[in-house]
Amino acid sequence: MALHPNGVHHLAIATRDMKAQIEFFTDVLGGELKALYWMHGVANTYHGFVELSPQCYIAFQQHPDNPADAQIGVTHAGNAGGTVTAGTMQHLALNVDSLDELYAMRDRIRSRGVPVIGPMNHGMCQSMYFAGPEGLALEIATGGGIDERAWIDPEVQALCGIDDDELGRYTAPAAYERPAEAVAQPAYDPAKPNLVYPAPVWQSMLAAPDEAMWSAVTSEPPVSVS
C-alpha cells in the first residue's frame, strides 16, 4: 500500500500582524479567509486560515511574544537562495496549474505594487519570486511529475552521503500495511524528533491514551451557523 501524505493541509506562519498577512494573502494572492479564532489550547494566541483550495490552507499564528524583527540569514532567508537556520522554512512556493495562470498571477501581484522576479524556466518547473509581509520569501510555480532519473545528480547524491541502496529506498519507499491493532506510543527517545514542551508535560502527553488527546481541545466553531 502506498501510504504517504498527499499534499499540504496547512502551513503555519508566525506573525505579529495578522491583519497584514490576511490582507496580503487575500488581496494580493486571491485566497479566501476561512477561519480566524483563538488558537485551541494556546493562551492569548490567534489562528487564521486562508484557503488556497478546499484541502490546502496558509495559516497564521499570532502570539503576543512572537519576536518582531526578522534576522536575515538566521530567522529569514530574505530570498530563495539565502541562508537561514536549519530546520526553518527557507522559502514558500505556491502552486498554479499552468504557465498562463503563472503569468496571470504575476500581473495580479504587480498590480498591487509588489515586485515580481520571473517567471523563470527551471526545467522541472517554471516559477517566479516575490516577498510577503514580515520578511517572507515567496514563490509561485507550475509544473510537476518530476522524473527522478533526470533530476537526481550523482555528484550531489554523493555529497549528501547517499549510497545507491539508500537512493533506491528514497525513490521507492517501502509500502505499509496498517496492523489490526493500533501501534503503541513509542517510549521517549532523545535520538528521535520530539516536540518541545517542558519535560513533565511532554512525558504526560506521551503517556496519555490517544482518546484523551482527541478530546483535549475544543472542536466547536466560535460562531453558530444555522
Protein backbone atom coordinates (compact mmCIF):
# COMPACT_ATOMS: atom_id res chain seq x y z
CA MET A 1 0.00 0.00 0.00
CA ALA A 2 1.42 3.40 -1.00
CA LEU A 3 0.71 5.32 2.20
CA HIS A 4 2.04 8.87 2.45
CA PRO A 5 0.71 12.42 2.89
CA ASN A 6 -0.93 13.57 -0.35
CA GLY A 7 -0.40 17.30 0.00
CA VAL A 8 -0.03 20.16 2.45
CA HIS A 9 -3.18 20.71 4.52
CA HIS A 10 -1.83 23.93 6.02
CA LEU A 11 1.46 25.67 6.56
CA ALA A 12 1.50 27.75 9.75
CA ILE A 13 3.44 31.03 9.64
CA ALA A 14 4.20 33.06 12.75
CA THR A 15 3.09 36.68 12.65
CA ARG A 16 2.91 39.83 14.74
CA ASP A 17 0.36 41.39 12.35
CA MET A 18 -2.47 39.00 11.49
CA LYS A 19 -4.37 41.68 9.55
CA ALA A 20 -1.39 42.49 7.29
CA GLN A 21 -0.90 38.82 6.43
CA ILE A 22 -4.61 38.31 5.73
CA GLU A 23 -4.67 41.45 3.57
CA PHE A 24 -1.70 40.22 1.51
CA PHE A 25 -2.81 36.63 1.05
CA THR A 26 -6.38 37.62 0.14
CA ASP A 27 -5.95 40.83 -1.88
CA VAL A 28 -2.53 40.28 -3.47
CA LEU A 29 -2.74 36.49 -3.92
CA GLY A 30 -6.53 35.99 -4.03
CA GLY A 31 -7.00 33.41 -1.27
CA GLU A 32 -10.17 33.41 0.82
CA LEU A 33 -10.21 33.92 4.58
CA LYS A 34 -11.91 30.88 6.10
CA ALA A 35 -11.08 30.93 9.82
CA LEU A 36 -9.98 33.44 12.44
CA TYR A 37 -10.23 32.34 16.07
CA TRP A 38 -8.45 31.79 19.40
CA MET A 39 -5.90 29.02 18.83
CA HIS A 40 -7.04 25.83 20.54
CA GLY A 41 -5.13 25.18 23.74
CA VAL A 42 -2.73 28.14 23.39
CA ALA A 43 -3.33 31.17 25.58
CA ASN A 44 -3.58 34.68 24.07
CA THR A 45 -2.95 33.39 20.55
CA TYR A 46 -4.94 33.90 17.35
CA HIS A 47 -5.12 31.46 14.44
CA GLY A 48 -6.12 32.46 10.90
CA PHE A 49 -6.62 30.26 7.82
CA VAL A 50 -6.60 31.46 4.19
CA GLU A 51 -7.84 28.87 1.69
CA LEU A 52 -5.86 28.02 -1.44
CA SER A 53 -8.09 25.02 -2.17
CA PRO A 54 -10.60 23.11 -0.02
CA GLN A 55 -7.74 20.83 1.08
CA CYS A 56 -4.91 23.38 1.33
CA TYR A 57 -4.52 26.47 3.53
CA ILE A 58 -1.98 29.05 4.61
CA ALA A 59 -2.36 29.51 8.37
CA PHE A 60 -1.05 32.27 10.62
CA GLN A 61 -0.30 32.14 14.33
CA GLN A 62 -0.20 35.44 16.20
CA HIS A 63 1.26 35.06 19.69
CA PRO A 64 1.95 38.26 21.68
CA ASP A 65 5.52 37.08 22.36
CA ASN A 66 6.44 36.26 18.76
CA PRO A 67 9.71 38.15 18.11
CA ALA A 68 9.07 41.12 15.84
CA ASP A 69 12.32 41.54 13.93
CA ALA A 70 13.46 39.33 11.07
CA GLN A 71 17.16 38.46 11.15
CA ILE A 72 18.21 37.77 7.58
CA GLY A 73 20.37 34.65 7.47
CA VAL A 74 19.10 33.48 10.86
CA THR A 75 15.30 33.62 11.10
CA HIS A 76 14.62 34.52 7.45
CA ALA A 77 16.45 33.78 4.21
CA GLY A 78 15.33 37.01 2.52
CA ASN A 79 15.28 35.36 -0.92
CA ALA A 80 15.04 31.88 -2.42
CA GLY A 81 18.82 31.36 -2.30
CA GLY A 82 19.65 32.90 1.06
CA THR A 83 20.94 31.16 4.17
CA VAL A 84 18.73 30.51 7.18
CA THR A 85 18.79 28.38 10.33
CA ALA A 86 18.49 24.65 9.63
CA GLY A 87 15.01 23.26 10.19
CA THR A 88 13.23 26.51 9.35
CA MET A 89 11.35 27.39 6.16
CA GLN A 90 13.78 28.77 3.57
CA HIS A 91 11.02 29.94 1.22
CA LEU A 92 7.41 29.06 0.46
CA ALA A 93 6.39 28.03 -3.08
CA LEU A 94 2.70 28.03 -4.02
CA ASN A 95 1.26 26.13 -7.00
CA VAL A 96 -0.78 27.09 -10.05
CA ASP A 97 -1.90 24.70 -12.78
CA SER A 98 -0.47 26.30 -15.91
CA LEU A 99 2.05 28.76 -17.29
CA ASP A 100 -0.82 31.02 -18.33
CA GLU A 101 -2.03 31.12 -14.71
CA LEU A 102 1.53 31.87 -13.60
CA TYR A 103 1.66 34.93 -15.86
CA ALA A 104 -1.80 35.99 -14.64
CA MET A 105 -0.63 35.75 -11.02
CA ARG A 106 2.47 37.77 -11.93
CA ASP A 107 0.24 40.54 -13.23
CA ARG A 108 -2.12 40.37 -10.24
CA ILE A 109 0.76 40.69 -7.78
CA ARG A 110 2.42 43.53 -9.69
CA SER A 111 -0.94 45.34 -9.93
CA ARG A 112 -0.82 45.61 -6.11
CA GLY A 113 2.58 47.28 -6.26
CA VAL A 114 4.61 44.21 -5.28
CA PRO A 115 7.71 43.48 -7.44
CA VAL A 116 7.92 40.01 -9.03
CA ILE A 117 11.06 38.42 -10.49
CA GLY A 118 10.32 35.98 -13.31
CA PRO A 119 8.84 33.70 -14.39
CA MET A 120 11.99 31.61 -14.80
CA ASN A 121 12.27 28.21 -16.50
CA HIS A 122 13.84 25.71 -14.09
CA GLY A 123 13.21 22.71 -16.35
CA MET A 124 11.30 20.67 -13.77
CA CYS A 125 9.04 23.68 -13.14
CA GLN A 126 8.56 27.32 -14.04
CA SER A 127 8.34 29.83 -11.22
CA MET A 128 8.60 33.45 -10.07
CA TYR A 129 9.71 35.11 -6.84
CA PHE A 130 8.47 37.94 -4.63
CA ALA A 131 8.27 38.99 -0.97
CA GLY A 132 5.44 38.92 1.52
CA PRO A 133 4.85 40.70 4.83
CA GLU A 134 7.29 40.30 7.72
CA GLY A 135 10.17 39.10 5.55
CA LEU A 136 8.52 36.11 3.86
CA ALA A 137 10.34 34.83 0.76
CA LEU A 138 7.64 33.58 -1.62
CA GLU A 139 7.45 31.76 -4.96
CA ILE A 140 4.65 30.66 -7.27
CA ALA A 141 5.40 27.66 -9.50
CA THR A 142 3.80 25.42 -12.09
CA GLY A 143 4.83 22.02 -13.35
CA GLY A 144 5.09 18.59 -11.78
CA GLY A 145 5.68 14.95 -12.48
CA ILE A 146 9.44 15.26 -11.86
CA ASP A 147 11.45 12.41 -13.41
CA GLU A 148 13.94 11.33 -10.76
CA ARG A 149 16.13 9.64 -13.41
CA ALA A 150 16.87 13.04 -14.89
CA TRP A 151 16.86 15.21 -11.78
CA ILE A 152 18.92 13.30 -9.19
CA ASP A 153 22.51 14.44 -9.79
CA PRO A 154 25.03 11.66 -8.89
CA GLU A 155 27.53 14.29 -7.70
CA VAL A 156 25.04 15.85 -5.30
CA GLN A 157 23.87 12.38 -4.22
CA ALA A 158 27.46 11.58 -3.21
CA LEU A 159 27.93 14.91 -1.43
CA CYS A 160 24.81 14.12 0.64
CA GLY A 161 26.29 10.76 1.64
CA ILE A 162 23.53 8.77 -0.07
CA ASP A 163 24.60 5.41 -1.49
CA ASP A 164 22.75 3.60 -4.27
CA ASP A 165 20.86 1.28 -1.90
CA GLU A 166 19.66 4.26 0.10
CA LEU A 167 18.69 6.07 -3.09
CA GLY A 168 16.55 3.09 -4.06
CA ARG A 169 14.73 3.32 -0.72
CA TYR A 170 14.23 7.06 -1.09
CA THR A 171 12.85 6.93 -4.62
CA ALA A 172 10.62 3.89 -3.90
CA PRO A 173 9.74 3.95 -0.18
CA ALA A 174 8.56 0.73 1.43
CA ALA A 175 4.83 0.01 1.41
CA TYR A 176 3.00 -0.03 4.73
CA GLU A 177 0.08 -2.17 5.82
CA ARG A 178 -1.70 -0.90 8.89
CA PRO A 179 -1.91 -3.64 11.54
CA ALA A 180 -5.20 -4.74 13.05
CA GLU A 181 -4.23 -3.23 16.41
CA ALA A 182 -3.10 0.37 16.84
CA VAL A 183 0.64 0.85 17.23
CA ALA A 184 1.58 1.82 20.79
CA GLN A 185 3.17 5.18 21.51
CA PRO A 186 6.97 4.78 21.50
CA ALA A 187 8.85 5.48 24.70
CA TYR A 188 10.70 8.78 24.88
CA ASP A 189 13.93 8.63 22.90
CA PRO A 190 16.06 11.81 22.69
CA ALA A 191 17.63 10.50 19.48
CA LYS A 192 14.25 10.77 17.72
CA PRO A 193 12.47 14.03 16.77
CA ASN A 194 10.41 15.29 19.71
CA LEU A 195 8.14 18.29 20.14
CA VAL A 196 9.50 20.85 22.57
CA TYR A 197 7.44 21.09 25.75
CA PRO A 198 8.53 21.20 29.42
CA ALA A 199 9.72 17.67 30.19
CA PRO A 200 6.87 16.74 32.59
CA VAL A 201 4.26 17.98 30.10
CA TRP A 202 5.80 16.04 27.22
CA GLN A 203 6.09 12.87 29.29
CA SER A 204 2.43 13.13 30.32
CA MET A 205 1.37 13.67 26.71
CA LEU A 206 3.30 10.59 25.63
CA ALA A 207 1.64 8.58 28.40
CA ALA A 208 -1.88 9.79 27.59
CA PRO A 209 -4.13 7.45 25.58
CA ASP A 210 -4.97 8.61 22.06
CA GLU A 211 -8.61 9.00 23.06
CA ALA A 212 -7.65 11.61 25.66
CA MET A 213 -5.74 13.67 23.11
CA TRP A 214 -8.71 13.51 20.69
CA SER A 215 -10.85 15.44 23.17
CA ALA A 216 -8.10 17.57 24.74
CA VAL A 217 -9.09 20.79 22.94
CA THR A 218 -12.39 22.31 21.87
CA SER A 219 -13.64 21.39 18.42
CA GLU A 220 -16.66 23.69 18.26
CA PRO A 221 -16.60 26.67 15.84
CA PRO A 222 -16.71 30.09 17.55
CA VAL A 223 -19.82 31.19 15.63
CA SER A 224 -23.09 29.25 15.36
CA VAL A 225 -24.23 28.85 11.74
CA SER A 226 -27.89 27.94 11.28
